[in-house]
Amino acid sequence: MAVSFTTLQIYDQYLTTYRSRDYDSSNRKVTRRSSRYDTHDQSELQNVYSAIQWKNRFAPLYLNEPTPKSIAFAVHLKESAQNLKQTINSLSGDDNDLFAMKTAYSDNENLATVEYVPEETDEEIPASFALEVESFASPQINTGNYLNANQATTLKPDSYSFDILTNKLHYELQFNINEGETNKDLQSKLSRLINNSDIGVSAKVIEEDGHSALELTSDAYGLPFQNARHFSVNDDKTSYRNGVVDYLGLNENVKEASNAIYSINGNEESSYSNTFNVHGAYRVTLHPENGMGAADIGLYADAESLSHNIETFVDGYNHFLDGVLTDIPDEKGKTDDLSLTRLLAKDMTKFLDLHRESLEKYGIKVNEDASLDYEQPENITDTDALKGFGNHIMRKLTSISLDPMEYIDRRICAYPNPFTNYINPYMTSIYTGMLFNTYT
């Protein structure tokens, strides 16, 4: 299929809407976190292709009349199934043993929270360690002069520009100053200009007792790798009129960036960020807003880790089931239409009924609406039944993500000829790839 402008728009909307994102408190950015479950080797892709062929061998020909809402439902269902698969995979141990992932704890979560990510290390992982924080990583902050906010700027109306030099690039920002513009108007204009430029520096206007100042902050934390500072501001050799940098005092009050300084079991270490790895397996995130201190960090016992894994799975499963229609309003803006979820709820209820008895041993209760509740039992010794359920639901989720249109009402036009082995290998792939003929 030829790639058109319309196709590129579809891919852009799809990736923007559904790719998972995390908020990075260190850099104050929404960033994509990759994991080993986001990538697939050649054999996995071959398995998907083989599954499509096998499905098409026996699948009848359906007449589909998908509405925009049903198509959106299918896309959302596919992505929800994939997200739940990643949740279950993340609960697997080093040997891919389902629900065997250990869970880390911090006895002072106001200071530091922790995740256990053992795939990033080959060394022996200690069961616990002591963390003591001496300072946090911080960005470079340039605070301008405090000027009378409502007073007209003394700069003459004209076209101005100034340069921001970072460790990577050199940017020239151009703007106009108009007659009667106040100091705060000018500062707000420059703040918007800098933030919209996405140059690794953010800006905001701070106010105090009727005065305002423009504050510039580097997106990067910690000591710079190359230059003395993450950025500098000047208008010495700029294209248009200069004078704004001195007038606003953008280089006069500079708070230098700093590294996080901490000790692990008494051994001092440092980090450019407030998120760092310890022993290659503990991802620790510091919280500067709560002040410095100490924390004991380690791994829960196996029973507590298993309970945490089950609770995480139940939460993820309920989110998968409940959130299918969250972002799919109909023409009237409502999201309470159950017609699209009817087949899914019925199918999942039937699936869970097969495992109801074994799940109850682990404190998992299956509700009539196919949702799950969890209450930690007193003692769990044998986890074989739970691992078996995990393998079954992974296969179920793979089937859902392979052909989510199966959960939309559709009419059968014809059954395949049982005396021929002809396979159309691409019939289901329009659902797998989420490209519909109503779009292209």
Protein backbone atom coordinates (compact mmCIF):
# COMPACT_ATOMS: atom_id res chain seq x y z
CA MET A 1 0.00 0.00 0.00
CA ALA A 2 1.34 3.40 -0.98
CA VAL A 3 1.99 5.81 1.87
CA SER A 4 -0.15 8.91 1.45
CA PHE A 5 -0.52 12.10 3.46
CA THR A 6 -3.76 10.69 4.87
CA THR A 7 -2.00 7.50 5.94
CA LEU A 8 0.72 9.48 7.71
CA GLN A 9 -1.96 11.44 9.57
CA ILE A 10 -3.54 8.17 10.72
CA TYR A 11 -0.22 6.83 12.01
CA ASP A 12 0.54 10.13 13.73
CA GLN A 13 -2.86 10.20 15.47
CA TYR A 14 -2.54 6.54 16.42
CA LEU A 15 0.93 6.89 17.95
CA THR A 16 0.17 10.20 19.65
CA THR A 17 -2.99 8.82 21.26
CA TYR A 18 -1.94 5.34 22.25
CA ARG A 19 1.79 5.09 22.82
CA SER A 20 2.45 4.85 26.55
CA ARG A 21 3.91 7.88 28.29
CA ASP A 22 5.40 8.65 31.64
CA TYR A 23 5.94 11.91 33.46
CA ASP A 24 9.58 12.57 34.21
CA SER A 25 9.68 14.75 37.31
CA SER A 26 13.39 15.49 36.87
CA ASN A 27 13.02 17.08 33.46
CA ARG A 28 9.36 18.03 33.84
CA LYS A 29 8.67 16.41 30.48
CA VAL A 30 6.23 13.78 29.30
CA THR A 31 8.53 11.15 27.87
CA ARG A 32 8.32 7.73 26.34
CA ARG A 33 9.73 4.99 28.54
CA SER A 34 10.88 1.95 26.57
CA SER A 35 11.08 -1.51 28.03
CA ARG A 36 12.06 -4.95 26.80
CA TYR A 37 8.34 -5.63 26.19
CA ASP A 38 8.09 -2.84 23.58
CA THR A 39 10.36 -4.60 21.10
CA HIS A 40 9.87 -7.85 19.20
CA ASP A 41 12.32 -10.16 17.51
CA GLN A 42 11.85 -11.78 14.12
CA SER A 43 10.38 -15.00 15.52
CA GLU A 44 7.64 -13.09 17.36
CA LEU A 45 6.65 -11.26 14.20
CA GLN A 46 6.62 -14.56 12.30
CA ASN A 47 4.32 -15.99 14.97
CA VAL A 48 1.90 -13.09 14.49
CA TYR A 49 1.90 -13.63 10.73
CA SER A 50 1.34 -17.38 11.21
CA ALA A 51 -1.54 -16.64 13.57
CA ILE A 52 -3.15 -14.43 10.92
CA GLN A 53 -2.81 -17.19 8.33
CA TRP A 54 -4.23 -19.82 10.67
CA LYS A 55 -7.16 -17.61 11.59
CA ASN A 56 -7.96 -16.90 7.96
CA ARG A 57 -7.86 -20.59 7.08
CA PHE A 58 -11.08 -21.21 9.00
CA ALA A 59 -12.62 -17.74 9.31
CA PRO A 60 -15.79 -17.03 7.32
CA LEU A 61 -16.17 -13.93 5.20
CA TYR A 62 -17.85 -11.14 7.17
CA LEU A 63 -19.72 -8.10 5.96
CA ASN A 64 -18.44 -5.16 7.98
CA GLU A 65 -20.07 -1.75 8.07
CA PRO A 66 -17.92 -0.12 10.72
CA THR A 67 -19.00 3.23 12.07
CA PRO A 68 -16.38 5.74 13.25
CA LYS A 69 -17.31 4.84 16.84
CA SER A 70 -16.93 1.08 16.29
CA ILE A 71 -13.58 1.60 14.56
CA ALA A 72 -12.40 3.73 17.47
CA PHE A 73 -13.62 1.01 19.83
CA ALA A 74 -11.60 -1.62 17.95
CA VAL A 75 -8.43 0.50 18.07
CA HIS A 76 -8.91 1.23 21.76
CA LEU A 77 -9.64 -2.43 22.52
CA LYS A 78 -6.51 -3.54 20.68
CA GLU A 79 -4.33 -1.08 22.56
CA SER A 80 -5.95 -1.89 25.91
CA ALA A 81 -5.25 -5.59 25.35
CA GLN A 82 -1.63 -4.81 24.46
CA ASN A 83 -1.23 -2.66 27.58
CA LEU A 84 -2.59 -5.43 29.81
CA LYS A 85 -0.17 -7.89 28.19
CA GLN A 86 2.69 -5.55 29.03
CA THR A 87 1.42 -5.27 32.62
CA ILE A 88 1.40 -9.06 32.98
CA ASN A 89 4.81 -9.36 31.32
CA SER A 90 6.22 -6.79 33.73
CA LEU A 91 5.18 -9.04 36.62
CA SER A 92 7.31 -11.90 35.29
CA GLY A 93 10.58 -12.86 36.92
CA ASP A 94 14.00 -13.11 35.30
CA ASP A 95 13.13 -16.52 33.85
CA ASN A 96 9.78 -15.24 32.46
CA ASP A 97 7.96 -17.00 35.29
CA LEU A 98 4.58 -15.25 35.42
CA PHE A 99 3.73 -13.32 38.61
CA ALA A 100 7.21 -14.07 40.00
CA MET A 101 8.56 -10.51 39.85
CA LYS A 102 9.92 -9.30 43.18
CA THR A 103 8.70 -5.97 44.53
CA ALA A 104 10.89 -3.27 46.05
CA TYR A 105 9.94 -1.06 48.99
CA SER A 106 11.12 2.21 50.52
CA ASP A 107 10.44 2.94 54.17
CA ASN A 108 10.51 6.69 53.38
CA GLU A 109 8.54 7.30 50.20
CA ASN A 110 8.41 11.03 50.90
CA LEU A 111 12.15 11.04 50.23
CA ALA A 112 12.51 8.27 47.65
CA THR A 113 10.29 5.84 45.75
CA VAL A 114 11.69 2.76 44.08
CA GLU A 115 10.98 0.30 41.26
CA TYR A 116 12.61 -3.09 40.79
CA VAL A 117 13.99 -3.55 37.24
CA PRO A 118 16.34 -6.57 37.33
CA GLU A 119 16.61 -6.90 33.53
CA GLU A 120 19.15 -4.08 33.55
CA THR A 121 21.87 -5.94 35.47
CA ASP A 122 23.87 -9.14 35.44
CA GLU A 123 25.44 -8.67 38.89
CA GLU A 124 24.24 -10.11 42.18
CA ILE A 125 21.42 -7.98 43.56
CA PRO A 126 21.43 -7.25 47.31
CA ALA A 127 18.19 -7.73 49.21
CA SER A 128 18.40 -4.26 50.80
CA PHE A 129 20.56 -1.15 51.17
CA ALA A 130 20.61 2.13 53.07
CA LEU A 131 20.16 5.40 51.15
CA GLU A 132 21.13 8.80 52.55
CA VAL A 133 20.58 11.96 50.50
CA GLU A 134 22.83 15.01 50.93
CA SER A 135 21.54 17.13 48.01
CA PHE A 136 19.25 16.87 45.01
CA ALA A 137 19.93 17.37 41.34
CA SER A 138 18.77 20.78 40.17
CA PRO A 139 18.57 22.72 36.88
CA GLN A 140 20.17 26.03 35.98
CA ILE A 141 17.86 28.94 36.81
CA ASN A 142 18.31 32.50 35.53
CA THR A 143 16.08 34.97 37.38
CA GLY A 144 15.67 38.35 35.73
CA ASN A 145 15.26 41.79 37.30
CA TYR A 146 12.07 42.52 39.21
CA LEU A 147 10.38 45.36 37.35
CA ASN A 148 7.16 47.25 38.02
CA ALA A 149 4.68 44.89 36.41
CA ASN A 150 2.16 47.46 35.19
CA GLN A 151 4.64 50.14 34.17
CA ALA A 152 5.23 50.70 30.46
CA THR A 153 8.58 49.37 29.28
CA THR A 154 11.23 52.01 28.64
CA LEU A 155 12.48 50.17 25.55
CA LYS A 156 11.55 51.87 22.30
CA PRO A 157 8.95 50.17 20.08
CA ASP A 158 10.89 48.23 17.45
CA SER A 159 11.92 44.74 16.31
CA TYR A 160 14.25 43.08 18.83
CA SER A 161 16.08 39.78 19.13
CA PHE A 162 18.42 37.92 21.47
CA ASP A 163 20.33 34.65 21.46
CA ILE A 164 20.03 31.60 23.71
CA LEU A 165 23.08 29.34 23.44
CA THR A 166 22.73 25.80 24.80
CA ASN A 167 25.30 23.01 24.85
CA LYS A 168 23.97 21.78 21.52
CA LEU A 169 22.55 24.64 19.48
CA HIS A 170 22.35 28.39 19.02
CA TYR A 171 18.89 29.99 18.84
CA GLU A 172 17.91 33.53 17.91
CA LEU A 173 14.51 34.66 19.17
CA GLN A 174 12.89 37.57 17.35
CA PHE A 175 9.94 39.68 18.52
CA ASN A 176 8.41 43.16 18.46
CA ILE A 177 7.86 45.62 21.30
CA ASN A 178 4.75 47.71 20.76
CA GLU A 179 3.76 51.16 22.01
CA GLY A 180 2.38 51.11 25.56
CA GLU A 181 3.49 47.54 26.31
CA THR A 182 4.05 46.96 30.03
CA ASN A 183 6.95 45.11 31.59
CA LYS A 184 4.75 42.16 32.41
CA ASP A 185 3.36 42.11 28.85
CA LEU A 186 6.90 41.92 27.51
CA GLN A 187 7.93 39.21 29.98
CA SER A 188 4.81 37.16 29.22
CA LYS A 189 5.41 37.46 25.49
CA LEU A 190 8.99 36.23 25.83
CA SER A 191 7.89 33.42 28.14
CA ARG A 192 5.45 32.14 25.51
CA LEU A 193 8.04 32.54 22.75
CA ILE A 194 10.66 30.53 24.62
CA ASN A 195 8.27 27.77 25.72
CA ASN A 196 6.82 27.38 22.22
CA SER A 197 10.31 27.15 20.73
CA ASP A 198 11.14 23.90 22.61
CA ILE A 199 14.87 24.67 22.86
CA GLY A 200 15.67 22.94 26.14
CA VAL A 201 14.88 26.00 28.22
CA SER A 202 11.53 26.82 29.83
CA ALA A 203 10.34 30.22 31.01
CA LYS A 204 7.76 31.69 33.35
CA VAL A 205 6.85 35.07 34.83
CA ILE A 206 7.11 35.31 38.61
CA GLU A 207 5.43 38.12 40.56
CA GLU A 208 6.07 39.66 43.95
CA ASP A 209 4.55 42.82 45.50
CA GLY A 210 3.47 44.33 42.21
CA HIS A 211 6.77 43.51 40.50
CA SER A 212 7.47 40.76 37.96
CA ALA A 213 10.53 38.99 36.59
CA LEU A 214 11.22 36.54 33.77
CA GLU A 215 12.69 33.26 35.03
CA LEU A 216 14.49 30.86 32.67
CA THR A 217 15.10 27.23 33.68
CA SER A 218 17.07 24.55 31.86
CA ASP A 219 15.24 21.33 31.09
CA ALA A 220 18.46 19.45 31.87
CA TYR A 221 19.41 18.72 35.47
CA GLY A 222 22.85 18.24 36.98
CA LEU A 223 26.25 19.60 36.00
CA PRO A 224 26.69 20.20 32.24
CA PHE A 225 28.79 17.68 30.32
CA GLN A 226 30.60 20.30 28.23
CA ASN A 227 30.25 23.99 29.04
CA ALA A 228 30.12 25.69 32.40
CA ARG A 229 26.35 26.22 32.06
CA HIS A 230 23.43 24.56 30.30
CA PHE A 231 22.57 27.81 28.53
CA SER A 232 23.54 31.47 28.26
CA VAL A 233 21.65 34.52 27.02
CA ASN A 234 23.07 37.49 25.12
CA ASP A 235 22.20 39.99 22.40
CA ASP A 236 25.69 41.25 21.49
CA LYS A 237 25.63 40.05 17.87
CA THR A 238 21.95 39.64 17.15
CA SER A 239 20.06 40.39 13.92
CA TYR A 240 17.71 43.04 15.27
CA ARG A 241 17.83 45.67 17.97
CA ASN A 242 19.47 44.66 21.25
CA GLY A 243 19.01 45.80 24.84
CA VAL A 244 16.38 43.36 26.10
CA VAL A 245 18.85 41.07 27.92
CA ASP A 246 20.27 43.89 30.04
CA TYR A 247 16.88 45.50 30.57
CA LEU A 248 15.33 42.27 31.89
CA GLY A 249 18.54 41.14 33.63
CA LEU A 250 18.47 37.65 32.12
CA ASN A 251 22.15 36.96 32.91
CA GLU A 252 22.53 38.73 36.25
CA ASN A 253 21.11 36.28 38.82
CA VAL A 254 22.11 32.71 37.90
CA LYS A 255 21.59 29.67 40.09
CA GLU A 256 23.96 27.00 38.82
CA ALA A 257 22.82 23.44 38.15
CA SER A 258 23.95 20.75 40.59
CA ASN A 259 24.13 16.97 40.85
CA ALA A 260 22.32 14.79 43.32
CA ILE A 261 24.72 13.69 46.09
CA TYR A 262 23.78 10.58 48.03
CA SER A 263 25.36 7.57 49.72
CA ILE A 264 24.61 3.86 49.37
CA ASN A 265 25.53 1.94 52.50
CA GLY A 266 27.90 4.79 53.39
CA ASN A 267 29.59 5.04 49.96
CA GLU A 268 29.10 8.48 48.42
CA GLU A 269 27.83 8.68 44.84
CA SER A 270 26.35 11.33 42.56
CA SER A 271 23.83 11.54 39.74
CA TYR A 272 22.93 14.10 37.08
CA SER A 273 19.25 13.32 37.70
CA ASN A 274 16.97 12.71 40.68
CA THR A 275 16.20 9.31 39.15
CA PHE A 276 19.04 6.80 39.11
CA ASN A 277 19.75 3.07 39.28
CA VAL A 278 21.32 1.30 42.24
CA HIS A 279 23.05 -2.04 41.65
CA GLY A 280 21.50 -1.95 38.17
CA ALA A 281 18.20 -3.25 39.54
CA TYR A 282 16.63 -0.60 41.79
CA ARG A 283 15.35 2.52 39.98
CA VAL A 284 15.23 5.16 42.71
CA THR A 285 13.42 8.49 42.29
CA LEU A 286 14.12 11.29 44.78
CA HIS A 287 11.50 13.89 45.72
CA PRO A 288 13.20 17.24 46.42
CA GLU A 289 9.98 18.92 47.54
CA ASN A 290 10.02 16.90 50.77
CA GLY A 291 13.56 17.69 51.91
CA MET A 292 16.62 15.53 52.53
CA GLY A 293 16.86 12.46 54.74
CA ALA A 294 17.51 8.73 54.72
CA ALA A 295 15.63 5.61 53.67
CA ASP A 296 16.00 1.84 53.84
CA ILE A 297 15.26 0.23 50.47
CA GLY A 298 14.94 -3.46 49.72
CA LEU A 299 12.83 -6.32 48.42
CA TYR A 300 9.62 -7.63 49.94
CA ALA A 301 9.35 -11.28 50.91
CA ASP A 302 8.07 -13.63 48.18
CA ALA A 303 4.53 -13.79 49.61
CA GLU A 304 4.20 -10.01 49.76
CA SER A 305 5.66 -9.63 46.26
CA LEU A 306 3.17 -12.18 44.93
CA SER A 307 0.31 -10.33 46.59
CA HIS A 308 1.51 -7.06 45.06
CA ASN A 309 1.75 -8.74 41.63
CA ILE A 310 -1.79 -10.08 41.87
CA GLU A 311 -3.12 -6.70 42.99
CA THR A 312 -1.32 -4.99 40.08
CA PHE A 313 -2.78 -7.52 37.65
CA VAL A 314 -6.32 -7.10 39.01
CA ASP A 315 -6.06 -3.31 38.77
CA GLY A 316 -4.70 -3.58 35.23
CA TYR A 317 -7.38 -6.04 34.18
CA ASN A 318 -10.21 -3.89 35.58
CA HIS A 319 -8.72 -0.86 33.84
CA PHE A 320 -8.66 -2.85 30.60
CA LEU A 321 -12.29 -3.86 31.01
CA ASP A 322 -13.67 -0.55 32.28
CA GLY A 323 -11.67 1.82 30.14
CA VAL A 324 -12.56 0.53 26.70
CA LEU A 325 -15.14 3.24 26.05
CA THR A 326 -13.51 6.01 28.09
CA ASP A 327 -12.25 8.00 25.10
CA ILE A 328 -14.93 7.00 22.60
CA PRO A 329 -17.96 9.29 22.97
CA ASP A 330 -20.82 8.96 20.50
CA GLU A 331 -22.30 11.75 18.40
CA LYS A 332 -24.02 13.19 21.48
CA GLY A 333 -20.89 13.06 23.62
CA LYS A 334 -22.09 10.11 25.72
CA THR A 335 -20.00 7.10 26.68
CA ASP A 336 -22.65 4.91 28.38
CA ASP A 337 -23.57 2.91 25.26
CA LEU A 338 -22.97 -0.74 26.18
CA SER A 339 -23.69 -2.14 22.71
CA LEU A 340 -19.99 -2.26 21.81
CA THR A 341 -18.85 -3.84 25.07
CA ARG A 342 -21.58 -6.46 25.22
CA LEU A 343 -19.67 -9.11 23.26
CA LEU A 344 -16.43 -8.39 25.12
CA ALA A 345 -18.04 -8.66 28.57
CA LYS A 346 -19.82 -11.87 27.57
CA ASP A 347 -16.63 -13.43 26.21
CA MET A 348 -14.51 -12.45 29.21
CA THR A 349 -17.16 -13.77 31.62
CA LYS A 350 -17.12 -17.10 29.82
CA PHE A 351 -13.31 -17.16 29.92
CA LEU A 352 -13.08 -16.33 33.63
CA ASP A 353 -15.72 -18.93 34.55
CA LEU A 354 -13.24 -21.60 33.45
CA HIS A 355 -10.74 -20.32 36.03
CA ARG A 356 -13.10 -19.10 38.77
CA GLU A 357 -12.36 -21.90 41.23
CA SER A 358 -8.57 -21.68 40.95
CA LEU A 359 -8.59 -17.86 41.14
CA GLU A 360 -10.53 -17.88 44.39
CA LYS A 361 -7.63 -19.74 46.03
CA TYR A 362 -5.53 -16.61 45.52
CA GLY A 363 -8.16 -14.19 46.80
CA ILE A 364 -9.40 -13.19 43.32
CA LYS A 365 -13.19 -12.94 43.04
CA VAL A 366 -14.88 -12.95 39.63
CA ASN A 367 -17.89 -10.61 39.51
CA GLU A 368 -20.97 -10.96 37.31
CA ASP A 369 -19.85 -8.07 35.07
CA ALA A 370 -16.52 -9.88 34.38
CA SER A 371 -14.56 -7.52 36.65
CA LEU A 372 -12.28 -8.79 39.43
CA ASP A 373 -11.89 -8.06 43.15
CA TYR A 374 -8.88 -8.99 45.23
CA GLU A 375 -8.46 -9.68 48.93
CA GLN A 376 -5.11 -11.00 50.09
CA PRO A 377 -5.40 -14.54 51.52
CA GLU A 378 -3.58 -15.57 54.67
CA ASN A 379 -1.22 -18.03 53.03
CA ILE A 380 -0.25 -18.81 49.44
CA THR A 381 2.11 -21.69 48.80
CA ASP A 382 1.36 -23.23 45.38
CA THR A 383 1.33 -20.76 42.47
CA ASP A 384 1.07 -23.25 39.58
CA ALA A 385 -2.64 -22.59 39.00
CA LEU A 386 -2.05 -18.84 38.91
CA LYS A 387 0.76 -19.22 36.38
CA GLY A 388 -1.49 -21.43 34.26
CA PHE A 389 -4.18 -18.75 34.32
CA GLY A 390 -1.59 -16.15 33.38
CA ASN A 391 -0.55 -18.15 30.31
CA HIS A 392 -4.19 -18.59 29.27
CA ILE A 393 -5.09 -14.92 29.60
CA MET A 394 -1.97 -13.93 27.65
CA ARG A 395 -3.18 -16.11 24.77
CA LYS A 396 -6.64 -14.58 25.11
CA LEU A 397 -5.26 -11.04 24.96
CA THR A 398 -3.15 -11.95 21.93
CA SER A 399 -6.31 -13.15 20.19
CA ILE A 400 -8.14 -9.92 21.09
CA SER A 401 -5.35 -7.69 19.83
CA LEU A 402 -5.03 -9.76 16.64
CA ASP A 403 -8.66 -9.20 15.62
CA PRO A 404 -10.54 -6.71 17.84
CA MET A 405 -13.27 -6.46 15.17
CA GLU A 406 -14.44 -9.83 16.43
CA TYR A 407 -16.18 -7.95 19.25
CA ILE A 408 -18.25 -5.80 16.90
CA ASP A 409 -21.55 -7.08 15.49
CA ARG A 410 -20.98 -8.29 11.94
CA ARG A 411 -22.82 -10.48 9.48
CA ILE A 412 -21.48 -13.67 7.94
CA CYS A 413 -21.56 -13.61 4.13
CA ALA A 414 -19.94 -16.94 3.30
CA TYR A 415 -18.01 -19.80 4.87
CA PRO A 416 -14.62 -20.93 3.50
CA ASN A 417 -14.48 -23.85 1.10
CA PRO A 418 -13.41 -26.86 3.21
CA PHE A 419 -11.88 -28.57 0.17
CA THR A 420 -9.33 -25.89 -0.61
CA ASN A 421 -6.25 -24.75 1.28
CA TYR A 422 -6.27 -21.23 -0.15
CA ILE A 423 -5.38 -18.66 2.47
CA ASN A 424 -5.72 -14.91 2.22
CA PRO A 425 -2.84 -13.84 4.50
CA TYR A 426 -3.88 -10.19 4.56
CA MET A 427 -7.57 -10.38 5.39
CA THR A 428 -7.11 -10.01 9.13
CA SER A 429 -4.08 -7.76 8.90
CA ILE A 430 -6.27 -4.72 8.22
CA TYR A 431 -7.46 -5.18 11.81
CA THR A 432 -4.05 -6.10 13.18
CA GLY A 433 -2.46 -3.01 11.64
CA MET A 434 -5.51 -0.87 12.35
CA LEU A 435 -5.76 0.49 8.79
CA PHE A 436 -9.37 0.53 7.60
CA ASN A 437 -10.65 1.11 4.10
CA THR A 438 -12.96 3.79 5.48
CA TYR A 439 -9.83 5.85 6.25
CA THR A 440 -7.66 5.31 3.16
